[in-house]
Amino acid sequence: MSNDETKAGRRPVDALLPRIQSEYAGAWVALKGGRVVDARPTPYELVASLHERDITDTTIIRVPDRDEAELVGLG
């Protein structure tokens, strides 16, 4: 198995990041198994949608918009 494959034979999530960044800029995205399962404008809408569809065990990220300033530090 190469470094570019997971045990299931899928590409790792980081291989999809450029596509996710361009398609979902400014949105909250739920990932499962290296695939986007849902995306919404707010985390509340995303969680509600996942709950309604009984989707669990996801990774939720916010994809920054290209024009958005980079946040460095929290203090």
PDB file of N, CA and C in Angstrom:
ATOM      1  N   MET A   1       0.857  -1.178   0.000  1.00  0.00           N
ATOM      2  CA  MET A   1       0.000   0.000   0.000  1.00  0.00           C
ATOM      3  C   MET A   1       0.898   1.234   0.000  1.00  0.00           C
ATOM      4  N   SER A   2       0.577   2.173  -0.856  1.00  0.00           N
ATOM      5  CA  SER A   2       1.380   3.389  -0.925  1.00  0.00           C
ATOM      6  C   SER A   2       0.977   4.356   0.178  1.00  0.00           C
ATOM      7  N   ASN A   3       1.787   5.381   0.374  1.00  0.00           N
ATOM      8  CA  ASN A   3       1.470   6.408   1.371  1.00  0.00           C
ATOM      9  C   ASN A   3       0.237   7.205   0.994  1.00  0.00           C
ATOM     10  N   ASP A   4      -0.162   7.180  -0.287  1.00  0.00           N
ATOM     11  CA  ASP A   4      -1.309   7.958  -0.749  1.00  0.00           C
ATOM     12  C   ASP A   4      -2.620   7.207  -0.630  1.00  0.00           C
ATOM     13  N   GLU A   5      -2.602   6.037  -0.041  1.00  0.00           N
ATOM     14  CA  GLU A   5      -3.815   5.249   0.084  1.00  0.00           C
ATOM     15  C   GLU A   5      -4.083   4.925   1.543  1.00  0.00           C
ATOM     16  N   THR A   6      -5.347   4.823   1.877  1.00  0.00           N
ATOM     17  CA  THR A   6      -5.706   4.372   3.216  1.00  0.00           C
ATOM     18  C   THR A   6      -5.875   2.870   3.173  1.00  0.00           C
ATOM     19  N   LYS A   7      -6.133   2.254   4.297  1.00  0.00           N
ATOM     20  CA  LYS A   7      -6.345   0.810   4.338  1.00  0.00           C
ATOM     21  C   LYS A   7      -7.531   0.397   3.484  1.00  0.00           C
ATOM     22  N   ALA A   8      -8.513   1.268   3.346  1.00  0.00           N
ATOM     23  CA  ALA A   8      -9.691   0.959   2.539  1.00  0.00           C
ATOM     24  C   ALA A   8      -9.473   1.261   1.061  1.00  0.00           C
ATOM     25  N   GLY A   9      -8.305   1.766   0.692  1.00  0.00           N
ATOM     26  CA  GLY A   9      -8.011   2.052  -0.701  1.00  0.00           C
ATOM     27  C   GLY A   9      -8.480   3.413  -1.171  1.00  0.00           C
ATOM     28  N   ARG A  10      -8.912   4.280  -0.260  1.00  0.00           N
ATOM     29  CA  ARG A  10      -9.356   5.622  -0.622  1.00  0.00           C
ATOM     30  C   ARG A  10      -8.217   6.610  -0.446  1.00  0.00           C
ATOM     31  N   ARG A  11      -8.356   7.740  -1.133  1.00  0.00           N
ATOM     32  CA  ARG A  11      -7.380   8.804  -0.945  1.00  0.00           C
ATOM     33  C   ARG A  11      -7.540   9.394   0.440  1.00  0.00           C
ATOM     34  N   PRO A  12      -6.465   9.846   1.046  1.00  0.00           N
ATOM     35  CA  PRO A  12      -6.601  10.495   2.354  1.00  0.00           C
ATOM     36  C   PRO A  12      -7.316  11.830   2.218  1.00  0.00           C
ATOM     37  N   VAL A  13      -7.856  12.323   3.335  1.00  0.00           N
ATOM     38  CA  VAL A  13      -8.622  13.574   3.333  1.00  0.00           C
ATOM     39  C   VAL A  13      -7.812  14.721   2.772  1.00  0.00           C
ATOM     40  N   ASP A  14      -6.520  14.802   3.095  1.00  0.00           N
ATOM     41  CA  ASP A  14      -5.734  15.951   2.641  1.00  0.00           C
ATOM     42  C   ASP A  14      -5.611  16.026   1.126  1.00  0.00           C
ATOM     43  N   ALA A  15      -5.819  14.927   0.420  1.00  0.00           N
ATOM     44  CA  ALA A  15      -5.792  14.961  -1.042  1.00  0.00           C
ATOM     45  C   ALA A  15      -7.023  15.680  -1.585  1.00  0.00           C
ATOM     46  N   LEU A  16      -8.086  15.743  -0.802  1.00  0.00           N
ATOM     47  CA  LEU A  16      -9.318  16.395  -1.230  1.00  0.00           C
ATOM     48  C   LEU A  16      -9.417  17.850  -0.790  1.00  0.00           C
ATOM     49  N   LEU A  17      -8.493  18.302   0.034  1.00  0.00           N
ATOM     50  CA  LEU A  17      -8.592  19.645   0.593  1.00  0.00           C
ATOM     51  C   LEU A  17      -8.667  20.755  -0.450  1.00  0.00           C
ATOM     52  N   PRO A  18      -7.890  20.737  -1.521  1.00  0.00           N
ATOM     53  CA  PRO A  18      -8.037  21.824  -2.507  1.00  0.00           C
ATOM     54  C   PRO A  18      -9.446  21.898  -3.099  1.00  0.00           C
ATOM     55  N   ARG A  19     -10.057  20.759  -3.373  1.00  0.00           N
ATOM     56  CA  ARG A  19     -11.419  20.741  -3.906  1.00  0.00           C
ATOM     57  C   ARG A  19     -12.409  21.240  -2.853  1.00  0.00           C
ATOM     58  N   ILE A  20     -12.248  20.777  -1.628  1.00  0.00           N
ATOM     59  CA  ILE A  20     -13.123  21.211  -0.543  1.00  0.00           C
ATOM     60  C   ILE A  20     -12.997  22.713  -0.327  1.00  0.00           C
ATOM     61  N   GLN A  21     -11.772  23.219  -0.363  1.00  0.00           N
ATOM     62  CA  GLN A  21     -11.559  24.653  -0.158  1.00  0.00           C
ATOM     63  C   GLN A  21     -12.206  25.486  -1.254  1.00  0.00           C
ATOM     64  N   SER A  22     -12.175  25.011  -2.484  1.00  0.00           N
ATOM     65  CA  SER A  22     -12.768  25.804  -3.563  1.00  0.00           C
ATOM     66  C   SER A  22     -14.287  25.666  -3.606  1.00  0.00           C
ATOM     67  N   GLU A  23     -14.818  24.494  -3.332  1.00  0.00           N
ATOM     68  CA  GLU A  23     -16.266  24.274  -3.427  1.00  0.00           C
ATOM     69  C   GLU A  23     -17.048  24.754  -2.201  1.00  0.00           C
ATOM     70  N   TYR A  24     -16.420  24.731  -1.036  1.00  0.00           N
ATOM     71  CA  TYR A  24     -17.146  25.000   0.199  1.00  0.00           C
ATOM     72  C   TYR A  24     -16.605  26.202   0.971  1.00  0.00           C
ATOM     73  N   ALA A  25     -15.971  27.126   0.287  1.00  0.00           N
ATOM     74  CA  ALA A  25     -15.408  28.309   0.950  1.00  0.00           C
ATOM     75  C   ALA A  25     -16.474  29.047   1.746  1.00  0.00           C
ATOM     76  N   GLY A  26     -16.176  29.306   3.026  1.00  0.00           N
ATOM     77  CA  GLY A  26     -17.079  30.019   3.905  1.00  0.00           C
ATOM     78  C   GLY A  26     -18.126  29.154   4.586  1.00  0.00           C
ATOM     79  N   ALA A  27     -18.128  27.857   4.323  1.00  0.00           N
ATOM     80  CA  ALA A  27     -19.148  26.960   4.880  1.00  0.00           C
ATOM     81  C   ALA A  27     -18.580  26.074   5.987  1.00  0.00           C
ATOM     82  N   TRP A  28     -19.485  25.500   6.767  1.00  0.00           N
ATOM     83  CA  TRP A  28     -19.157  24.464   7.736  1.00  0.00           C
ATOM     84  C   TRP A  28     -19.378  23.138   7.042  1.00  0.00           C
ATOM     85  N   VAL A  29     -18.398  22.234   7.127  1.00  0.00           N
ATOM     86  CA  VAL A  29     -18.414  20.989   6.363  1.00  0.00           C
ATOM     87  C   VAL A  29     -18.255  19.795   7.299  1.00  0.00           C
ATOM     88  N   ALA A  30     -19.034  18.748   7.047  1.00  0.00           N
ATOM     89  CA  ALA A  30     -18.909  17.493   7.782  1.00  0.00           C
ATOM     90  C   ALA A  30     -18.239  16.472   6.866  1.00  0.00           C
ATOM     91  N   LEU A  31     -17.164  15.870   7.365  1.00  0.00           N
ATOM     92  CA  LEU A  31     -16.420  14.856   6.619  1.00  0.00           C
ATOM     93  C   LEU A  31     -16.562  13.514   7.320  1.00  0.00           C
ATOM     94  N   LYS A  32     -16.702  12.464   6.523  1.00  0.00           N
ATOM     95  CA  LYS A  32     -16.748  11.115   7.068  1.00  0.00           C
ATOM     96  C   LYS A  32     -16.091  10.190   6.059  1.00  0.00           C
ATOM     97  N   GLY A  33     -15.119   9.439   6.518  1.00  0.00           N
ATOM     98  CA  GLY A  33     -14.427   8.533   5.613  1.00  0.00           C
ATOM     99  C   GLY A  33     -13.738   9.238   4.464  1.00  0.00           C
ATOM    100  N   GLY A  34     -13.300  10.472   4.701  1.00  0.00           N
ATOM    101  CA  GLY A  34     -12.601  11.215   3.664  1.00  0.00           C
ATOM    102  C   GLY A  34     -13.504  11.865   2.632  1.00  0.00           C
ATOM    103  N   ARG A  35     -14.805  11.837   2.873  1.00  0.00           N
ATOM    104  CA  ARG A  35     -15.761  12.422   1.927  1.00  0.00           C
ATOM    105  C   ARG A  35     -16.638  13.464   2.626  1.00  0.00           C
ATOM    106  N   VAL A  36     -17.047  14.461   1.855  1.00  0.00           N
ATOM    107  CA  VAL A  36     -17.969  15.465   2.373  1.00  0.00           C
ATOM    108  C   VAL A  36     -19.365  14.830   2.419  1.00  0.00           C
ATOM    109  N   VAL A  37     -19.977  14.829   3.606  1.00  0.00           N
ATOM    110  CA  VAL A  37     -21.330  14.281   3.730  1.00  0.00           C
ATOM    111  C   VAL A  37     -22.384  15.376   3.818  1.00  0.00           C
ATOM    112  N   ASP A  38     -21.983  16.583   4.185  1.00  0.00           N
ATOM    113  CA  ASP A  38     -22.919  17.700   4.244  1.00  0.00           C
ATOM    114  C   ASP A  38     -22.132  18.993   4.433  1.00  0.00           C
ATOM    115  N   ALA A  39     -22.736  20.100   4.032  1.00  0.00           N
ATOM    116  CA  ALA A  39     -22.137  21.425   4.228  1.00  0.00           C
ATOM    117  C   ALA A  39     -23.266  22.425   4.397  1.00  0.00           C
ATOM    118  N   ARG A  40     -23.102  23.321   5.364  1.00  0.00           N
ATOM    119  CA  ARG A  40     -24.125  24.321   5.670  1.00  0.00           C
ATOM    120  C   ARG A  40     -23.446  25.638   6.044  1.00  0.00           C
ATOM    121  N   PRO A  41     -24.187  26.750   6.002  1.00  0.00           N
ATOM    122  CA  PRO A  41     -23.594  28.047   6.332  1.00  0.00           C
ATOM    123  C   PRO A  41     -23.277  28.247   7.806  1.00  0.00           C
ATOM    124  N   THR A  42     -23.964  27.520   8.706  1.00  0.00           N
ATOM    125  CA  THR A  42     -23.697  27.662  10.136  1.00  0.00           C
ATOM    126  C   THR A  42     -23.486  26.282  10.756  1.00  0.00           C
ATOM    127  N   PRO A  43     -22.749  26.223  11.869  1.00  0.00           N
ATOM    128  CA  PRO A  43     -22.560  24.926  12.516  1.00  0.00           C
ATOM    129  C   PRO A  43     -23.871  24.368  13.068  1.00  0.00           C
ATOM    130  N   TYR A  44     -24.780  25.243  13.465  1.00  0.00           N
ATOM    131  CA  TYR A  44     -26.066  24.795  14.005  1.00  0.00           C
ATOM    132  C   TYR A  44     -26.901  24.097  12.927  1.00  0.00           C
ATOM    133  N   GLU A  45     -26.929  24.673  11.739  1.00  0.00           N
ATOM    134  CA  GLU A  45     -27.651  24.047  10.625  1.00  0.00           C
ATOM    135  C   GLU A  45     -27.013  22.718  10.241  1.00  0.00           C
ATOM    136  N   LEU A  46     -25.692  22.673  10.261  1.00  0.00           N
ATOM    137  CA  LEU A  46     -24.989  21.447   9.896  1.00  0.00           C
ATOM    138  C   LEU A  46     -25.299  20.328  10.884  1.00  0.00           C
ATOM    139  N   VAL A  47     -25.184  20.616  12.168  1.00  0.00           N
ATOM    140  CA  VAL A  47     -25.447  19.595  13.183  1.00  0.00           C
ATOM    141  C   VAL A  47     -26.907  19.140  13.121  1.00  0.00           C
ATOM    142  N   ALA A  48     -27.834  20.064  12.916  1.00  0.00           N
ATOM    143  CA  ALA A  48     -29.249  19.698  12.815  1.00  0.00           C
ATOM    144  C   ALA A  48     -29.486  18.776  11.622  1.00  0.00           C
ATOM    145  N   SER A  49     -28.877  19.081  10.496  1.00  0.00           N
ATOM    146  CA  SER A  49     -29.025  18.251   9.306  1.00  0.00           C
ATOM    147  C   SER A  49     -28.436  16.861   9.515  1.00  0.00           C
ATOM    148  N   LEU A  50     -27.267  16.797  10.136  1.00  0.00           N
ATOM    149  CA  LEU A  50     -26.648  15.494  10.412  1.00  0.00           C
ATOM    150  C   LEU A  50     -27.526  14.685  11.366  1.00  0.00           C
ATOM    151  N   HIS A  51     -28.066  15.356  12.372  1.00  0.00           N
ATOM    152  CA  HIS A  51     -28.930  14.683  13.342  1.00  0.00           C
ATOM    153  C   HIS A  51     -30.192  14.142  12.665  1.00  0.00           C
ATOM    154  N   GLU A  52     -30.819  14.948  11.815  1.00  0.00           N
ATOM    155  CA  GLU A  52     -32.030  14.529  11.103  1.00  0.00           C
ATOM    156  C   GLU A  52     -31.775  13.297  10.236  1.00  0.00           C
ATOM    157  N   ARG A  53     -30.588  13.197   9.671  1.00  0.00           N
ATOM    158  CA  ARG A  53     -30.246  12.082   8.787  1.00  0.00           C
ATOM    159  C   ARG A  53     -29.537  10.952   9.525  1.00  0.00           C
ATOM    160  N   ASP A  54     -29.410  11.093  10.855  1.00  0.00           N
ATOM    161  CA  ASP A  54     -28.774  10.087  11.710  1.00  0.00           C
ATOM    162  C   ASP A  54     -27.343   9.769  11.252  1.00  0.00           C
ATOM    163  N   ILE A  55     -26.604  10.813  10.885  1.00  0.00           N
ATOM    164  CA  ILE A  55     -25.200  10.665  10.499  1.00  0.00           C
ATOM    165  C   ILE A  55     -24.348  10.982  11.720  1.00  0.00           C
ATOM    166  N   THR A  56     -23.498  10.045  12.113  1.00  0.00           N
ATOM    167  CA  THR A  56     -22.655  10.211  13.288  1.00  0.00           C
ATOM    168  C   THR A  56     -21.189  10.042  12.912  1.00  0.00           C
ATOM    169  N   ASP A  57     -20.338  10.291  13.881  1.00  0.00           N
ATOM    170  CA  ASP A  57     -18.891  10.085  13.735  1.00  0.00           C
ATOM    171  C   ASP A  57     -18.290  10.865  12.569  1.00  0.00           C
ATOM    172  N   THR A  58     -18.618  12.139  12.485  1.00  0.00           N
ATOM    173  CA  THR A  58     -18.053  12.982  11.437  1.00  0.00           C
ATOM    174  C   THR A  58     -17.012  13.926  12.029  1.00  0.00           C
ATOM    175  N   THR A  59     -16.196  14.451  11.164  1.00  0.00           N
ATOM    176  CA  THR A  59     -15.280  15.531  11.512  1.00  0.00           C
ATOM    177  C   THR A  59     -15.875  16.800  10.932  1.00  0.00           C
ATOM    178  N   ILE A  60     -16.037  17.819  11.752  1.00  0.00           N
ATOM    179  CA  ILE A  60     -16.639  19.072  11.294  1.00  0.00           C
ATOM    180  C   ILE A  60     -15.563  20.155  11.266  1.00  0.00           C
ATOM    181  N   ILE A  61     -15.466  20.810  10.121  1.00  0.00           N
ATOM    182  CA  ILE A  61     -14.504  21.900   9.955  1.00  0.00           C
ATOM    183  C   ILE A  61     -15.209  23.104   9.341  1.00  0.00           C
ATOM    184  N   ARG A  62     -14.624  24.260   9.531  1.00  0.00           N
ATOM    185  CA  ARG A  62     -15.087  25.449   8.819  1.00  0.00           C
ATOM    186  C   ARG A  62     -14.048  25.778   7.771  1.00  0.00           C
ATOM    187  N   VAL A  63     -14.499  25.912   6.545  1.00  0.00           N
ATOM    188  CA  VAL A  63     -13.600  26.228   5.442  1.00  0.00           C
ATOM    189  C   VAL A  63     -13.589  27.739   5.272  1.00  0.00           C
ATOM    190  N   PRO A  64     -12.453  28.375   5.488  1.00  0.00           N
ATOM    191  CA  PRO A  64     -12.413  29.830   5.355  1.00  0.00           C
ATOM    192  C   PRO A  64     -12.626  30.278   3.908  1.00  0.00           C
ATOM    193  N   ASP A  65     -13.219  31.442   3.759  1.00  0.00           N
ATOM    194  CA  ASP A  65     -13.375  32.043   2.444  1.00  0.00           C
ATOM    195  C   ASP A  65     -12.002  32.525   1.988  1.00  0.00           C
ATOM    196  N   ARG A  66     -11.773  32.566   0.699  1.00  0.00           N
ATOM    197  CA  ARG A  66     -10.458  32.973   0.176  1.00  0.00           C
ATOM    198  C   ARG A  66     -10.086  34.400   0.572  1.00  0.00           C
ATOM    199  N   ASP A  67     -11.067  35.268   0.732  1.00  0.00           N
ATOM    200  CA  ASP A  67     -10.810  36.662   1.086  1.00  0.00           C
ATOM    201  C   ASP A  67     -10.748  36.889   2.594  1.00  0.00           C
ATOM    202  N   GLU A  68     -10.965  35.857   3.365  1.00  0.00           N
ATOM    203  CA  GLU A  68     -11.000  35.967   4.814  1.00  0.00           C
ATOM    204  C   GLU A  68      -9.586  36.095   5.383  1.00  0.00           C
ATOM    205  N   ALA A  69      -9.433  37.000   6.331  1.00  0.00           N
ATOM    206  CA  ALA A  69      -8.126  37.161   6.960  1.00  0.00           C
ATOM    207  C   ALA A  69      -7.769  35.907   7.758  1.00  0.00           C
ATOM    208  N   GLU A  70      -6.497  35.599   7.796  1.00  0.00           N
ATOM    209  CA  GLU A  70      -6.025  34.439   8.533  1.00  0.00           C
ATOM    210  C   GLU A  70      -5.995  34.745  10.023  1.00  0.00           C
ATOM    211  N   LEU A  71      -6.546  33.850  10.820  1.00  0.00           N
ATOM    212  CA  LEU A  71      -6.537  33.997  12.271  1.00  0.00           C
ATOM    213  C   LEU A  71      -5.304  33.310  12.831  1.00  0.00           C
ATOM    214  N   VAL A  72      -4.513  34.074  13.563  1.00  0.00           N
ATOM    215  CA  VAL A  72      -3.309  33.539  14.195  1.00  0.00           C
ATOM    216  C   VAL A  72      -3.402  33.817  15.679  1.00  0.00           C
ATOM    217  N   GLY A  73      -3.529  32.772  16.468  1.00  0.00           N
ATOM    218  CA  GLY A  73      -3.654  32.940  17.908  1.00  0.00           C
ATOM    219  C   GLY A  73      -5.077  33.337  18.289  1.00  0.00           C
ATOM    220  N   LEU A  74      -5.374  33.220  19.541  1.00  0.00           N
ATOM    221  CA  LEU A  74      -6.725  33.527  20.005  1.00  0.00           C
ATOM    222  C   LEU A  74      -6.737  34.618  21.064  1.00  0.00           C
ATOM    223  N   GLY A  75      -5.613  35.222  21.380  1.00  0.00           N
ATOM    224  CA  GLY A  75      -5.598  36.167  22.472  1.00  0.00           C
ATOM    225  C   GLY A  75      -5.166  37.504  22.062  1.00  0.00           C
TER     226      GLY A  75
END
